Amino acid sequence: MRTVQLLPDLDTTLKPGDRILFVGSETARRLQRRYLSDPGTVSWVLSGTEPPRGLFFRRWQHRTRGSP
């Protein structure tokens, strides 16, 4: 029996020009599009923390971090 591997090895490095095929439901497509287009969501996915979105909370964060 032949085994077909649909994924590259875990140590495979992506290079410029490589293309990735994503397959999933319409809901998954919408969520993925949101992750790629919403800066707050991208920040959350990368760091695990969501940046403050409201004016009050953004200013409060700047003051607590000592930013201008």
Protein backbone atom coordinates (compact mmCIF):
# COMPACT_ATOMS: atom_id res chain seq x y z
CA MET A 1 0.00 0.00 0.00
CA ARG A 2 1.34 3.47 -0.93
CA THR A 3 1.21 6.36 1.56
CA VAL A 4 0.55 9.87 0.24
CA GLN A 5 1.89 12.79 2.27
CA LEU A 6 -0.01 16.03 1.70
CA LEU A 7 2.16 18.18 3.97
CA PRO A 8 5.83 19.08 3.73
CA ASP A 9 8.26 17.93 6.39
CA LEU A 10 8.14 19.99 9.61
CA ASP A 11 11.64 21.36 8.95
CA THR A 12 10.74 22.63 5.46
CA THR A 13 11.44 26.37 5.15
CA LEU A 14 9.18 28.54 3.02
CA LYS A 15 10.94 30.66 0.42
CA PRO A 16 9.84 33.78 -1.45
CA GLY A 17 7.51 32.75 -4.24
CA ASP A 18 6.30 29.58 -2.49
CA ARG A 19 2.56 29.12 -2.62
CA ILE A 20 0.33 27.53 0.03
CA LEU A 21 -3.02 25.94 -0.73
CA PHE A 22 -5.58 26.27 2.06
CA VAL A 23 -8.68 24.10 1.95
CA GLY A 24 -11.61 24.57 4.28
CA SER A 25 -15.14 25.81 4.82
CA GLU A 26 -16.50 29.26 4.01
CA THR A 27 -16.42 30.08 7.73
CA ALA A 28 -12.73 29.17 7.91
CA ARG A 29 -12.04 31.39 4.89
CA ARG A 30 -13.75 34.37 6.54
CA LEU A 31 -11.83 33.84 9.78
CA GLN A 32 -8.54 33.54 7.93
CA ARG A 33 -9.25 36.72 5.97
CA ARG A 34 -9.97 38.49 9.26
CA TYR A 35 -6.70 37.28 10.76
CA LEU A 36 -4.80 38.64 7.77
CA SER A 37 -6.52 42.02 7.54
CA ASP A 38 -7.31 43.19 11.09
CA PRO A 39 -4.19 44.63 12.80
CA GLY A 40 -5.57 43.87 16.27
CA THR A 41 -6.23 40.27 15.38
CA VAL A 42 -2.81 39.88 13.75
CA SER A 43 -1.22 41.26 16.92
CA TRP A 44 -3.24 38.86 19.06
CA VAL A 45 -2.28 35.84 16.92
CA LEU A 46 1.42 36.79 17.02
CA SER A 47 1.74 37.86 20.66
CA GLY A 48 -1.25 36.47 22.52
CA THR A 49 -2.31 39.94 23.64
CA GLU A 50 -4.83 42.19 21.98
CA PRO A 51 -3.90 45.87 21.68
CA PRO A 52 -6.33 48.42 23.13
CA ARG A 53 -8.81 49.62 20.50
CA GLY A 54 -10.68 52.45 22.22
CA LEU A 55 -9.24 55.95 22.55
CA PHE A 56 -9.33 55.86 26.36
CA PHE A 57 -7.53 52.52 26.59
CA ARG A 58 -4.92 53.48 23.97
CA ARG A 59 -4.09 56.67 25.90
CA TRP A 60 -4.02 54.78 29.19
CA GLN A 61 -1.60 52.24 27.71
CA HIS A 62 0.69 55.01 26.42
CA ARG A 63 0.75 56.64 29.86
CA THR A 64 1.46 53.40 31.71
CA ARG A 65 4.26 52.54 29.30
CA GLY A 66 5.74 56.04 29.43
CA SER A 67 5.11 56.72 25.74
CA PRO A 68 4.25 60.24 24.53
